[in-house]
């Protein structure tokens, strides 16, 4: 399937497009990648070079796809980190164009703007995502901090995460980084019909990019027609395996772990339960 992906681009490492595009391509999808920023690496390194992609340039790139008639063959859109608030309008316009051309297309919003109790996106980005993008999303994949910020509700355990996720009012929400006691971390996935919690051991010194990878794998599961339970289990199983093999490394070992993206290891420390 053809997937339009609008998120950050790094030269070195596996975050943003470097995680999502690779995973989706491994799973057989064509990915049309529109960058929102172009950086030498993620911001965790001593020196980072690069710059914001102007919103006008992003729009021209989408215009080029549209003018050639390709958006009609696009089955999904996924967006992640935005470098500026005005990027949200470009993404929203791209989503509308794709859906106008293909009514069956779905949009996955990964609202990448913060983690660990702090926002790291530029001022106005979270608000622009909530205003422009959230109402269009078929799938939303926030982490616990982003879910709390979007809803104004505390997210300190699975029950609070469930309540906050319902407040978003979207067809499917998959909330990551949900605290499950002191030693485990969970991901809550819910639709109007059901809710599931997958948890794994909390890993120390895990590299960045897990959220970008999860959003791509979760989107793939839904596009493949998998149920909510199986989509969640397979995505978490693959992400956990990659992170476990990457502990202590500066980046996720995605290339080395690409086989598990195609064939997730079932039950590897993943506890799955249905919740009310």
Protein backbone atom coordinates (compact mmCIF):
# COMPACT_ATOMS: atom_id res chain seq x y z
CA UNK A 1 0.00 0.00 0.00
CA UNK A 2 1.10 3.59 -0.60
CA UNK A 3 1.49 5.60 2.61
CA UNK A 4 2.14 9.35 2.88
CA UNK A 5 4.38 10.04 5.89
CA UNK A 6 4.97 13.57 7.17
CA UNK A 7 7.49 13.72 10.01
CA UNK A 8 11.07 14.47 10.97
CA UNK A 9 14.01 13.33 8.86
CA UNK A 10 17.46 12.62 10.30
CA UNK A 11 20.66 11.78 8.45
CA UNK A 12 21.99 9.56 11.25
CA UNK A 13 19.88 7.13 13.24
CA UNK A 14 16.37 5.76 13.46
CA UNK A 15 13.82 8.26 14.69
CA UNK A 16 10.93 9.87 12.81
CA UNK A 17 11.03 8.84 9.16
CA UNK A 18 14.16 6.80 9.90
CA UNK A 19 12.04 4.48 12.05
CA UNK A 20 8.60 4.65 10.44
CA UNK A 21 9.66 4.52 6.79
CA UNK A 22 12.06 1.63 7.32
CA UNK A 23 9.50 -0.43 9.25
CA UNK A 24 6.70 0.19 6.75
CA UNK A 25 8.95 -0.62 3.80
CA UNK A 26 10.04 -3.85 5.48
CA UNK A 27 6.36 -4.73 5.70
CA UNK A 28 5.82 -4.18 1.99
CA UNK A 29 4.49 -0.63 1.83
CA UNK A 30 5.58 2.19 -0.44
CA UNK A 31 6.30 5.25 1.69
CA UNK A 32 6.16 8.79 0.34
CA UNK A 33 8.17 10.72 2.93
CA UNK A 34 7.66 14.47 3.34
CA UNK A 35 10.11 15.92 5.92
CA UNK A 36 9.07 18.44 8.54
CA UNK A 37 12.64 19.05 9.71
CA UNK A 38 15.97 17.85 8.33
CA UNK A 39 18.58 17.24 11.05
CA UNK A 40 21.92 15.49 11.32
CA UNK A 41 20.55 13.37 14.20
CA UNK A 42 18.04 13.54 17.02
CA UNK A 43 18.56 16.19 19.68
CA UNK A 44 20.13 13.83 22.22
CA UNK A 45 23.60 14.15 20.71
CA UNK A 46 26.22 16.77 21.59
CA UNK A 47 25.91 18.58 18.27
CA UNK A 48 22.92 18.69 15.96
CA UNK A 49 22.84 20.52 12.64
CA UNK A 50 19.95 21.08 10.28
CA UNK A 51 16.87 23.17 9.90
CA UNK A 52 13.13 23.44 9.76
CA UNK A 53 11.45 22.63 6.46
CA UNK A 54 9.32 25.65 5.44
CA UNK A 55 5.60 24.96 5.39
CA UNK A 56 5.44 26.33 1.85
CA UNK A 57 7.96 23.73 0.66
CA UNK A 58 6.06 20.91 2.35
CA UNK A 59 2.89 22.08 0.62
CA UNK A 60 4.66 22.17 -2.77
CA UNK A 61 5.85 18.59 -2.29
CA UNK A 62 2.28 17.46 -1.61
CA UNK A 63 1.12 19.57 -4.58
CA UNK A 64 3.51 17.62 -6.78
CA UNK A 65 2.07 14.31 -5.65
CA UNK A 66 -1.45 15.60 -6.18
CA UNK A 67 -0.74 17.06 -9.62
CA UNK A 68 0.50 13.69 -10.84
CA UNK A 69 -2.65 11.97 -9.62
CA UNK A 70 -0.83 9.87 -7.04
CA UNK A 71 -2.88 10.84 -3.98
CA UNK A 72 -5.79 8.80 -5.35
CA UNK A 73 -3.60 5.72 -4.86
CA UNK A 74 -2.65 6.59 -1.30
CA UNK A 75 -4.16 4.27 1.31
CA UNK A 76 -3.00 5.98 4.50
CA UNK A 77 -1.38 9.08 5.95
CA UNK A 78 0.77 9.14 9.07
CA UNK A 79 2.17 12.25 10.71
CA UNK A 80 4.65 12.64 13.55
CA UNK A 81 6.94 15.42 14.75
CA UNK A 82 6.16 18.86 13.33
CA UNK A 83 8.80 21.56 13.37
CA UNK A 84 6.36 24.48 13.57
CA UNK A 85 2.70 25.14 14.30
CA UNK A 86 2.00 26.07 10.67
CA UNK A 87 2.99 22.54 9.62
CA UNK A 88 -0.28 21.28 11.10
CA UNK A 89 -2.31 23.08 8.42
CA UNK A 90 -0.17 21.51 5.69
CA UNK A 91 -0.71 18.04 7.17
CA UNK A 92 -4.44 18.65 7.57
CA UNK A 93 -4.70 19.76 3.94
CA UNK A 94 -2.77 16.66 2.81
CA UNK A 95 -5.07 14.38 4.81
CA UNK A 96 -8.17 16.00 3.31
CA UNK A 97 -6.78 15.69 -0.21
CA UNK A 98 -5.98 12.02 0.27
CA UNK A 99 -9.39 11.27 1.75
CA UNK A 100 -11.16 13.23 -0.98
CA UNK A 101 -9.31 11.15 -3.57
CA UNK A 102 -9.71 7.86 -1.67
CA UNK A 103 -12.55 7.63 0.81
CA UNK A 104 -11.13 4.40 2.25
CA UNK A 105 -7.82 6.01 3.28
CA UNK A 106 -7.09 6.30 6.99
CA UNK A 107 -5.06 8.86 8.95
CA UNK A 108 -2.81 7.99 11.88
CA UNK A 109 -1.82 10.94 14.05
CA UNK A 110 1.26 10.39 16.20
CA UNK A 111 1.23 13.64 18.22
CA UNK A 112 4.96 13.86 18.87
CA UNK A 113 5.52 16.90 21.06
CA UNK A 114 6.78 15.76 24.48
CA UNK A 115 7.68 13.00 26.92
CA UNK A 116 8.93 12.43 30.46
CA UNK A 117 6.86 15.29 31.82
CA UNK A 118 8.00 17.99 29.39
CA UNK A 119 7.13 19.36 25.97
CA UNK A 120 10.01 19.63 23.49
CA UNK A 121 8.14 20.80 20.38
CA UNK A 122 8.12 24.47 19.48
CA UNK A 123 5.51 26.73 21.02
CA UNK A 124 2.08 26.33 19.51
CA UNK A 125 2.66 22.88 18.00
CA UNK A 126 0.61 20.86 20.55
CA UNK A 127 -2.28 23.29 20.24
CA UNK A 128 -2.12 23.20 16.44
CA UNK A 129 -2.14 19.39 16.48
CA UNK A 130 -5.19 19.36 18.75
CA UNK A 131 -7.00 21.96 16.68
CA UNK A 132 -6.12 20.95 13.11
CA UNK A 133 -5.23 17.26 13.19
CA UNK A 134 -7.00 15.49 16.03
CA UNK A 135 -10.49 15.92 14.51
CA UNK A 136 -9.27 14.23 11.29
CA UNK A 137 -7.54 11.25 12.91
CA UNK A 138 -8.79 7.70 12.59
CA UNK A 139 -5.94 6.47 14.83
CA UNK A 140 -4.12 8.49 17.51
CA UNK A 141 -0.94 7.19 19.18
CA UNK A 142 0.08 9.58 22.00
CA UNK A 143 2.41 8.70 24.83
CA UNK A 144 1.17 9.21 28.38
CA UNK A 145 2.46 12.80 28.60
CA UNK A 146 0.93 13.75 25.26
CA UNK A 147 -2.37 12.10 26.16
CA UNK A 148 -2.48 14.02 29.44
CA UNK A 149 -1.62 17.28 27.68
CA UNK A 150 -4.27 16.82 25.00
CA UNK A 151 -7.05 15.99 27.47
CA UNK A 152 -6.05 17.83 30.65
CA UNK A 153 -6.45 14.56 32.55
CA UNK A 154 -3.88 12.78 34.70
CA UNK A 155 -2.42 9.59 33.21
CA UNK A 156 -0.69 7.74 36.05
CA UNK A 157 -2.06 4.24 35.54
CA UNK A 158 -4.08 2.20 33.01
CA UNK A 159 -7.46 3.25 34.43
CA UNK A 160 -6.62 6.94 34.10
CA UNK A 161 -5.20 6.32 30.63
CA UNK A 162 -8.47 4.66 29.58
CA UNK A 163 -10.50 7.60 30.82
CA UNK A 164 -8.24 10.12 29.10
CA UNK A 165 -8.17 8.16 25.84
CA UNK A 166 -11.96 8.11 25.72
CA UNK A 167 -11.95 11.90 26.01
CA UNK A 168 -10.12 12.18 22.70
CA UNK A 169 -13.24 10.88 20.98
CA UNK A 170 -11.40 9.23 18.10
CA UNK A 171 -12.20 5.81 16.55
CA UNK A 172 -8.96 4.19 17.76
CA UNK A 173 -6.47 5.39 20.38
CA UNK A 174 -3.25 3.59 21.28
CA UNK A 175 -1.59 5.28 24.25
CA UNK A 176 2.01 4.30 24.98
CA UNK A 177 4.26 4.73 28.06
CA UNK A 178 1.38 4.12 30.48
CA UNK A 179 2.76 3.40 33.99
CA UNK A 180 1.94 -0.12 35.20
CA UNK A 181 3.53 -0.24 38.64
CA UNK A 182 7.23 0.31 39.21
CA UNK A 183 8.71 -2.28 36.87
CA UNK A 184 6.40 -2.44 33.86
CA UNK A 185 5.24 -0.06 31.18
CA UNK A 186 2.04 -0.40 29.19
CA UNK A 187 0.29 0.50 25.97
CA UNK A 188 -3.47 0.87 26.00
CA UNK A 189 -5.44 0.42 22.78
CA UNK A 190 -9.15 1.09 22.57
CA UNK A 191 -11.94 1.39 20.06
CA UNK A 192 -15.64 1.89 20.64
CA UNK A 193 -16.05 -1.88 21.04
CA UNK A 194 -13.05 -3.00 23.11
CA UNK A 195 -9.99 -2.03 25.13
CA UNK A 196 -6.70 -3.90 25.55
CA UNK A 197 -3.60 -3.32 27.66
CA UNK A 198 -0.21 -4.72 26.68
CA UNK A 199 2.65 -4.36 29.14
CA UNK A 200 6.34 -5.23 29.16
CA UNK A 201 9.28 -4.94 31.49
CA UNK A 202 10.56 -1.38 31.69
CA UNK A 203 13.94 -1.16 29.97
CA UNK A 204 16.64 1.20 31.18
CA UNK A 205 18.75 3.14 28.67
CA UNK A 206 16.50 2.30 25.74
CA UNK A 207 17.19 4.42 22.62
CA UNK A 208 14.82 6.97 21.16
CA UNK A 209 12.36 6.35 18.38
CA UNK A 210 10.19 3.65 19.95
CA UNK A 211 7.04 5.76 19.59
CA UNK A 212 7.70 6.41 15.90
CA UNK A 213 8.27 2.70 15.33
CA UNK A 214 5.16 1.70 17.27
CA UNK A 215 2.90 4.10 15.35
CA UNK A 216 4.11 2.67 12.03
CA UNK A 217 3.65 -0.94 13.14
CA UNK A 218 0.23 -0.24 14.63
CA UNK A 219 -0.86 1.47 11.42
CA UNK A 220 0.35 -1.52 9.42
CA UNK A 221 -1.71 -3.90 11.55
CA UNK A 222 -4.88 -1.93 10.94
CA UNK A 223 -4.18 -1.69 7.22
CA UNK A 224 -3.64 -5.46 7.15
CA UNK A 225 -7.10 -5.96 8.63
CA UNK A 226 -5.90 -7.31 11.98
CA UNK A 227 -8.14 -6.95 15.02
CA UNK A 228 -7.28 -4.48 17.76
CA UNK A 229 -5.87 -7.17 20.05
CA UNK A 230 -3.57 -8.70 17.44
CA UNK A 231 -2.49 -5.32 16.10
CA UNK A 232 -1.45 -4.24 19.59
CA UNK A 233 0.23 -7.51 20.51
CA UNK A 234 2.30 -7.72 17.33
CA UNK A 235 3.35 -4.07 17.39
CA UNK A 236 4.40 -4.20 21.05
CA UNK A 237 6.14 -7.54 20.59
CA UNK A 238 8.25 -6.18 17.74
CA UNK A 239 9.05 -2.87 19.46
CA UNK A 240 10.03 -4.57 22.70
CA UNK A 241 12.31 -7.02 20.89
CA UNK A 242 14.07 -4.21 19.01
CA UNK A 243 14.47 -2.12 22.16
CA UNK A 244 15.76 -5.05 24.19
CA UNK A 245 18.40 -5.74 21.54
CA UNK A 246 19.30 -2.03 21.48
CA UNK A 247 19.69 -1.27 25.20
CA UNK A 248 22.79 0.84 25.71
CA UNK A 249 23.12 1.67 22.02
CA UNK A 250 22.71 5.20 20.77
CA UNK A 251 20.09 4.13 18.24
CA UNK A 252 17.56 1.35 17.73
CA UNK A 253 19.12 -1.64 15.96
CA UNK A 254 16.41 -1.65 13.34
CA UNK A 255 18.44 -3.03 10.47
CA UNK A 256 19.65 -5.95 12.58
CA UNK A 257 16.12 -6.55 13.89
CA UNK A 258 14.20 -6.20 10.65
CA UNK A 259 13.15 -9.85 10.58
CA UNK A 260 11.19 -9.42 13.81
CA UNK A 261 9.28 -6.53 12.24
CA UNK A 262 7.89 -8.99 9.71
CA UNK A 263 7.47 -11.84 12.19
CA UNK A 264 7.04 -10.53 15.76
CA UNK A 265 8.05 -12.91 18.51
CA UNK A 266 4.79 -13.77 20.35
CA UNK A 267 4.70 -13.58 24.11
CA UNK A 268 8.22 -12.29 24.65
CA UNK A 269 7.61 -10.63 28.02
CA UNK A 270 4.36 -9.17 26.67
CA UNK A 271 1.38 -9.41 29.00
CA UNK A 272 -1.93 -8.78 27.27
CA UNK A 273 -5.26 -8.28 29.00
CA UNK A 274 -8.68 -7.03 28.08
CA UNK A 275 -9.92 -4.22 30.26
CA UNK A 276 -13.36 -2.75 30.85
